[in-house]
């Protein structure tokens, strides 16, 4: 019965995870641009198909995962243990990936692993659920490596106070947190090299 209650995830795991990984790479190499996901996996209740696809693609037994309080349901834990076998941890500073569904529950940047000067890659990548279909409203300009000219990012896609926190994260380079914004069927990459309005960040 427990196995029957776990969502199926990918229908064709190898092919669909490869396609999703290519989309994520595209998003991270072209920051600020909305990139479509090739498939929407079946995930736990409350997860978008996009988030299920991204998590199934990136997380495995070697990547400790932290879930915000809204995400850390019994269904989600069973899903991740069954499909990814990833360690589920309570401390964001020890996470390779953090899944945040509720913007209000996202910890401060310095609560996550920021990596080190020797191993900057040992930092947390935050997977942040976002509704790209919401009314955009006010936006900010983003620049940096991989950005073609100047992209604009709606503030409604980001948690309150995010821009100020991001500038602090940006100044830590090569250390720092990376983010991937995830909607039902799209992703947007926010690598730590991305600048938001403040060109002195790098």
C-alpha atoms as a PDB file:
ATOM      1  CA  UNK A   1       0.000   0.000   0.000  1.00  0.00           C
ATOM      2  CA  UNK A   2       2.846   2.408   0.786  1.00  0.00           C
ATOM      3  CA  UNK A   3       4.400   1.806  -2.627  1.00  0.00           C
ATOM      4  CA  UNK A   4       1.056   2.415  -4.310  1.00  0.00           C
ATOM      5  CA  UNK A   5       0.717   5.779  -2.538  1.00  0.00           C
ATOM      6  CA  UNK A   6       4.018   7.108  -3.893  1.00  0.00           C
ATOM      7  CA  UNK A   7       3.667   9.222  -7.067  1.00  0.00           C
ATOM      8  CA  UNK A   8       5.246   7.731 -10.155  1.00  0.00           C
ATOM      9  CA  UNK A   9       7.753  10.515 -10.856  1.00  0.00           C
ATOM     10  CA  UNK A  10       9.089  10.241 -14.409  1.00  0.00           C
ATOM     11  CA  UNK A  11       7.346   7.891 -16.842  1.00  0.00           C
ATOM     12  CA  UNK A  12      10.667   7.324 -18.665  1.00  0.00           C
ATOM     13  CA  UNK A  13      13.318   8.211 -16.065  1.00  0.00           C
ATOM     14  CA  UNK A  14      16.456   8.097 -18.227  1.00  0.00           C
ATOM     15  CA  UNK A  15      15.151  10.117 -21.167  1.00  0.00           C
ATOM     16  CA  UNK A  16      13.092  12.578 -19.156  1.00  0.00           C
ATOM     17  CA  UNK A  17      15.820  13.286 -16.599  1.00  0.00           C
ATOM     18  CA  UNK A  18      18.316  13.896 -19.412  1.00  0.00           C
ATOM     19  CA  UNK A  19      15.967  16.373 -21.076  1.00  0.00           C
ATOM     20  CA  UNK A  20      15.286  18.125 -17.779  1.00  0.00           C
ATOM     21  CA  UNK A  21      19.004  18.344 -17.015  1.00  0.00           C
ATOM     22  CA  UNK A  22      19.650  20.007 -20.373  1.00  0.00           C
ATOM     23  CA  UNK A  23      16.928  22.561 -19.614  1.00  0.00           C
ATOM     24  CA  UNK A  24      18.469  23.311 -16.208  1.00  0.00           C
ATOM     25  CA  UNK A  25      21.923  23.753 -17.759  1.00  0.00           C
ATOM     26  CA  UNK A  26      20.419  26.100 -20.338  1.00  0.00           C
ATOM     27  CA  UNK A  27      18.740  28.144 -17.603  1.00  0.00           C
ATOM     28  CA  UNK A  28      21.919  28.424 -15.532  1.00  0.00           C
ATOM     29  CA  UNK A  29      24.024  29.373 -18.559  1.00  0.00           C
ATOM     30  CA  UNK A  30      21.507  32.035 -19.621  1.00  0.00           C
ATOM     31  CA  UNK A  31      20.518  33.613 -16.278  1.00  0.00           C
ATOM     32  CA  UNK A  32      17.225  35.421 -15.960  1.00  0.00           C
ATOM     33  CA  UNK A  33      15.698  33.790 -19.029  1.00  0.00           C
ATOM     34  CA  UNK A  34      12.605  31.585 -18.759  1.00  0.00           C
ATOM     35  CA  UNK A  35      13.436  28.101 -20.072  1.00  0.00           C
ATOM     36  CA  UNK A  36      10.706  25.500 -20.707  1.00  0.00           C
ATOM     37  CA  UNK A  37      10.982  22.077 -19.115  1.00  0.00           C
ATOM     38  CA  UNK A  38      10.443  19.140 -21.482  1.00  0.00           C
ATOM     39  CA  UNK A  39       8.310  17.153 -19.049  1.00  0.00           C
ATOM     40  CA  UNK A  40       6.298  17.547 -15.857  1.00  0.00           C
ATOM     41  CA  UNK A  41       6.807  14.608 -13.519  1.00  0.00           C
ATOM     42  CA  UNK A  42       4.203  13.303 -11.104  1.00  0.00           C
ATOM     43  CA  UNK A  43       5.210  14.459  -7.629  1.00  0.00           C
ATOM     44  CA  UNK A  44       3.803  14.695  -4.101  1.00  0.00           C
ATOM     45  CA  UNK A  45       0.697  16.702  -3.340  1.00  0.00           C
ATOM     46  CA  UNK A  46       1.442  20.428  -3.450  1.00  0.00           C
ATOM     47  CA  UNK A  47       4.403  20.053  -5.821  1.00  0.00           C
ATOM     48  CA  UNK A  48       4.269  21.380  -9.360  1.00  0.00           C
ATOM     49  CA  UNK A  49       5.209  18.998 -12.131  1.00  0.00           C
ATOM     50  CA  UNK A  50       8.196  21.221 -12.791  1.00  0.00           C
ATOM     51  CA  UNK A  51       9.489  20.992  -9.242  1.00  0.00           C
ATOM     52  CA  UNK A  52       9.094  17.208  -9.237  1.00  0.00           C
ATOM     53  CA  UNK A  53      11.064  17.006 -12.495  1.00  0.00           C
ATOM     54  CA  UNK A  54      13.894  19.242 -11.247  1.00  0.00           C
ATOM     55  CA  UNK A  55      14.224  17.436  -7.918  1.00  0.00           C
ATOM     56  CA  UNK A  56      14.189  13.989  -9.524  1.00  0.00           C
ATOM     57  CA  UNK A  57      16.894  15.127 -11.944  1.00  0.00           C
ATOM     58  CA  UNK A  58      19.273  16.784  -9.479  1.00  0.00           C
ATOM     59  CA  UNK A  59      18.923  14.876  -6.217  1.00  0.00           C
ATOM     60  CA  UNK A  60      20.406  11.473  -5.406  1.00  0.00           C
ATOM     61  CA  UNK A  61      22.002   9.539  -2.568  1.00  0.00           C
ATOM     62  CA  UNK A  62      25.030  11.849  -2.549  1.00  0.00           C
ATOM     63  CA  UNK A  63      23.074  15.124  -2.213  1.00  0.00           C
ATOM     64  CA  UNK A  64      21.650  15.993   1.218  1.00  0.00           C
ATOM     65  CA  UNK A  65      18.309  17.779   0.783  1.00  0.00           C
ATOM     66  CA  UNK A  66      16.613  20.298   3.064  1.00  0.00           C
ATOM     67  CA  UNK A  67      12.844  20.939   2.799  1.00  0.00           C
ATOM     68  CA  UNK A  68      11.011  23.970   4.115  1.00  0.00           C
ATOM     69  CA  UNK A  69       8.255  23.374   6.665  1.00  0.00           C
ATOM     70  CA  UNK A  70       5.514  23.427   4.018  1.00  0.00           C
ATOM     71  CA  UNK A  71       7.358  20.951   1.811  1.00  0.00           C
ATOM     72  CA  UNK A  72       8.477  18.460   4.468  1.00  0.00           C
ATOM     73  CA  UNK A  73       5.329  16.335   4.452  1.00  0.00           C
ATOM     74  CA  UNK A  74       5.286  12.588   4.958  1.00  0.00           C
ATOM     75  CA  UNK A  75       4.276  12.179   1.314  1.00  0.00           C
ATOM     76  CA  UNK A  76       7.227  14.242   0.117  1.00  0.00           C
ATOM     77  CA  UNK A  77       9.677  12.384   2.337  1.00  0.00           C
ATOM     78  CA  UNK A  78       8.463   9.005   1.072  1.00  0.00           C
ATOM     79  CA  UNK A  79       8.646  10.254  -2.509  1.00  0.00           C
ATOM     80  CA  UNK A  80      12.240  11.471  -2.154  1.00  0.00           C
ATOM     81  CA  UNK A  81      13.456   8.404  -0.286  1.00  0.00           C
ATOM     82  CA  UNK A  82      11.893   6.074  -2.853  1.00  0.00           C
ATOM     83  CA  UNK A  83      12.902   7.867  -6.057  1.00  0.00           C
ATOM     84  CA  UNK A  84      16.134   9.656  -5.064  1.00  0.00           C
ATOM     85  CA  UNK A  85      17.405   7.885  -1.932  1.00  0.00           C
ATOM     86  CA  UNK A  86      18.693  11.318  -0.873  1.00  0.00           C
ATOM     87  CA  UNK A  87      19.494  12.102   2.768  1.00  0.00           C
ATOM     88  CA  UNK A  88      16.843  14.431   4.221  1.00  0.00           C
ATOM     89  CA  UNK A  89      18.369  16.823   6.733  1.00  0.00           C
ATOM     90  CA  UNK A  90      17.119  19.438   9.191  1.00  0.00           C
ATOM     91  CA  UNK A  91      19.972  21.943   8.806  1.00  0.00           C
ATOM     92  CA  UNK A  92      20.027  24.042   5.613  1.00  0.00           C
ATOM     93  CA  UNK A  93      23.757  24.702   6.094  1.00  0.00           C
ATOM     94  CA  UNK A  94      24.437  21.022   5.335  1.00  0.00           C
ATOM     95  CA  UNK A  95      22.243  20.798   2.232  1.00  0.00           C
ATOM     96  CA  UNK A  96      23.377  20.355  -1.339  1.00  0.00           C
ATOM     97  CA  UNK A  97      19.843  21.266  -2.411  1.00  0.00           C
ATOM     98  CA  UNK A  98      17.059  23.110  -0.591  1.00  0.00           C
ATOM     99  CA  UNK A  99      13.439  22.886  -1.745  1.00  0.00           C
ATOM    100  CA  UNK A 100      11.415  25.973  -0.834  1.00  0.00           C
ATOM    101  CA  UNK A 101       7.718  26.047  -1.713  1.00  0.00           C
ATOM    102  CA  UNK A 102       6.722  28.966   0.518  1.00  0.00           C
ATOM    103  CA  UNK A 103       8.646  32.198  -0.005  1.00  0.00           C
ATOM    104  CA  UNK A 104       7.916  33.250   3.566  1.00  0.00           C
ATOM    105  CA  UNK A 105       9.718  30.143   4.846  1.00  0.00           C
ATOM    106  CA  UNK A 106      12.960  30.691   2.939  1.00  0.00           C
ATOM    107  CA  UNK A 107      15.872  31.142   5.372  1.00  0.00           C
ATOM    108  CA  UNK A 108      18.427  33.915   4.969  1.00  0.00           C
ATOM    109  CA  UNK A 109      21.169  33.263   2.426  1.00  0.00           C
ATOM    110  CA  UNK A 110      23.823  32.761   5.082  1.00  0.00           C
ATOM    111  CA  UNK A 111      21.771  29.943   6.634  1.00  0.00           C
ATOM    112  CA  UNK A 112      22.700  27.769   3.645  1.00  0.00           C
ATOM    113  CA  UNK A 113      26.092  26.321   2.797  1.00  0.00           C
ATOM    114  CA  UNK A 114      28.114  29.030   1.037  1.00  0.00           C
ATOM    115  CA  UNK A 115      31.002  26.790   0.033  1.00  0.00           C
ATOM    116  CA  UNK A 116      34.626  27.734   0.689  1.00  0.00           C
ATOM    117  CA  UNK A 117      37.370  29.524  -1.226  1.00  0.00           C
ATOM    118  CA  UNK A 118      38.922  26.134  -1.972  1.00  0.00           C
ATOM    119  CA  UNK A 119      35.641  24.357  -2.781  1.00  0.00           C
ATOM    120  CA  UNK A 120      33.052  26.971  -3.804  1.00  0.00           C
ATOM    121  CA  UNK A 121      31.007  24.240  -5.464  1.00  0.00           C
ATOM    122  CA  UNK A 122      30.208  22.810  -2.013  1.00  0.00           C
ATOM    123  CA  UNK A 123      27.370  25.273  -1.590  1.00  0.00           C
ATOM    124  CA  UNK A 124      23.600  24.946  -1.531  1.00  0.00           C
ATOM    125  CA  UNK A 125      21.465  25.299  -4.626  1.00  0.00           C
ATOM    126  CA  UNK A 126      18.001  26.539  -3.665  1.00  0.00           C
ATOM    127  CA  UNK A 127      15.057  25.265  -5.717  1.00  0.00           C
ATOM    128  CA  UNK A 128      12.425  27.962  -5.216  1.00  0.00           C
ATOM    129  CA  UNK A 129       8.828  27.405  -6.327  1.00  0.00           C
ATOM    130  CA  UNK A 130       7.538  30.397  -8.290  1.00  0.00           C
ATOM    131  CA  UNK A 131       4.429  31.206 -10.314  1.00  0.00           C
ATOM    132  CA  UNK A 132       5.662  32.673 -13.591  1.00  0.00           C
ATOM    133  CA  UNK A 133       2.069  33.200 -14.715  1.00  0.00           C
ATOM    134  CA  UNK A 134       1.338  35.708 -11.953  1.00  0.00           C
ATOM    135  CA  UNK A 135       0.968  39.374 -12.920  1.00  0.00           C
ATOM    136  CA  UNK A 136       4.595  40.523 -13.295  1.00  0.00           C
ATOM    137  CA  UNK A 137       4.282  43.994 -11.720  1.00  0.00           C
ATOM    138  CA  UNK A 138       7.527  45.766 -10.851  1.00  0.00           C
ATOM    139  CA  UNK A 139      10.757  44.235 -12.138  1.00  0.00           C
ATOM    140  CA  UNK A 140      14.501  44.696 -11.770  1.00  0.00           C
ATOM    141  CA  UNK A 141      17.302  44.490 -14.300  1.00  0.00           C
ATOM    142  CA  UNK A 142      19.781  41.640 -14.113  1.00  0.00           C
ATOM    143  CA  UNK A 143      23.195  41.503 -15.735  1.00  0.00           C
ATOM    144  CA  UNK A 144      26.240  39.269 -15.636  1.00  0.00           C
ATOM    145  CA  UNK A 145      27.915  36.371 -17.448  1.00  0.00           C
ATOM    146  CA  UNK A 146      25.523  34.635 -19.820  1.00  0.00           C
ATOM    147  CA  UNK A 147      22.985  37.471 -19.853  1.00  0.00           C
ATOM    148  CA  UNK A 148      22.389  38.758 -23.359  1.00  0.00           C
ATOM    149  CA  UNK A 149      22.307  42.491 -22.798  1.00  0.00           C
ATOM    150  CA  UNK A 150      19.958  43.091 -19.901  1.00  0.00           C
ATOM    151  CA  UNK A 151      17.132  40.854 -18.731  1.00  0.00           C
ATOM    152  CA  UNK A 152      14.381  41.964 -16.364  1.00  0.00           C
ATOM    153  CA  UNK A 153      13.139  39.826 -13.490  1.00  0.00           C
ATOM    154  CA  UNK A 154       9.694  40.399 -11.913  1.00  0.00           C
ATOM    155  CA  UNK A 155       9.966  41.042  -8.179  1.00  0.00           C
ATOM    156  CA  UNK A 156       6.785  38.989  -7.704  1.00  0.00           C
ATOM    157  CA  UNK A 157       8.852  35.882  -8.499  1.00  0.00           C
ATOM    158  CA  UNK A 158      11.136  36.513  -5.516  1.00  0.00           C
ATOM    159  CA  UNK A 159      10.735  36.491  -1.704  1.00  0.00           C
ATOM    160  CA  UNK A 160      10.456  39.850   0.113  1.00  0.00           C
ATOM    161  CA  UNK A 161      13.859  41.434   0.702  1.00  0.00           C
ATOM    162  CA  UNK A 162      15.501  39.066  -1.770  1.00  0.00           C
ATOM    163  CA  UNK A 163      17.337  41.699  -3.828  1.00  0.00           C
ATOM    164  CA  UNK A 164      19.239  43.073  -0.836  1.00  0.00           C
ATOM    165  CA  UNK A 165      20.103  39.551   0.323  1.00  0.00           C
ATOM    166  CA  UNK A 166      21.215  38.610  -3.195  1.00  0.00           C
ATOM    167  CA  UNK A 167      23.629  41.528  -3.382  1.00  0.00           C
ATOM    168  CA  UNK A 168      25.286  40.249  -0.214  1.00  0.00           C
ATOM    169  CA  UNK A 169      25.425  36.757  -1.689  1.00  0.00           C
ATOM    170  CA  UNK A 170      26.922  38.120  -4.904  1.00  0.00           C
ATOM    171  CA  UNK A 171      29.750  39.860  -3.052  1.00  0.00           C
ATOM    172  CA  UNK A 172      30.912  36.500  -1.637  1.00  0.00           C
ATOM    173  CA  UNK A 173      31.948  35.217  -5.073  1.00  0.00           C
ATOM    174  CA  UNK A 174      33.361  32.629  -5.758  1.00  0.00           C
ATOM    175  CA  UNK A 175      31.450  31.446  -2.690  1.00  0.00           C
ATOM    176  CA  UNK A 176      27.698  31.826  -2.462  1.00  0.00           C
ATOM    177  CA  UNK A 177      24.317  30.245  -3.063  1.00  0.00           C
ATOM    178  CA  UNK A 178      22.807  29.514  -6.496  1.00  0.00           C
ATOM    179  CA  UNK A 179      19.047  29.528  -7.114  1.00  0.00           C
ATOM    180  CA  UNK A 180      16.734  27.917  -9.618  1.00  0.00           C
ATOM    181  CA  UNK A 181      13.232  29.359  -9.856  1.00  0.00           C
ATOM    182  CA  UNK A 182      10.799  26.569 -10.713  1.00  0.00           C
ATOM    183  CA  UNK A 183       7.222  26.864 -11.965  1.00  0.00           C
ATOM    184  CA  UNK A 184       4.779  24.316 -13.325  1.00  0.00           C
ATOM    185  CA  UNK A 185       6.607  23.968 -16.628  1.00  0.00           C
ATOM    186  CA  UNK A 186       9.558  26.384 -16.669  1.00  0.00           C
ATOM    187  CA  UNK A 187      12.786  27.251 -14.843  1.00  0.00           C
ATOM    188  CA  UNK A 188      14.893  30.388 -14.449  1.00  0.00           C
ATOM    189  CA  UNK A 189      18.510  30.147 -13.342  1.00  0.00           C
ATOM    190  CA  UNK A 190      20.000  32.595 -10.847  1.00  0.00           C
ATOM    191  CA  UNK A 191      23.685  31.657 -10.477  1.00  0.00           C
ATOM    192  CA  UNK A 192      25.729  33.526  -7.886  1.00  0.00           C
ATOM    193  CA  UNK A 193      27.411  35.517 -10.677  1.00  0.00           C
ATOM    194  CA  UNK A 194      24.134  37.263 -11.533  1.00  0.00           C
ATOM    195  CA  UNK A 195      23.912  40.942 -10.623  1.00  0.00           C
ATOM    196  CA  UNK A 196      20.663  42.661  -9.754  1.00  0.00           C
ATOM    197  CA  UNK A 197      20.892  46.371 -10.602  1.00  0.00           C
ATOM    198  CA  UNK A 198      24.124  46.824  -8.654  1.00  0.00           C
ATOM    199  CA  UNK A 199      27.049  46.553 -11.083  1.00  0.00           C
ATOM    200  CA  UNK A 200      29.576  46.805  -8.242  1.00  0.00           C
ATOM    201  CA  UNK A 201      28.465  43.401  -6.979  1.00  0.00           C
ATOM    202  CA  UNK A 202      31.226  41.534  -8.809  1.00  0.00           C
END
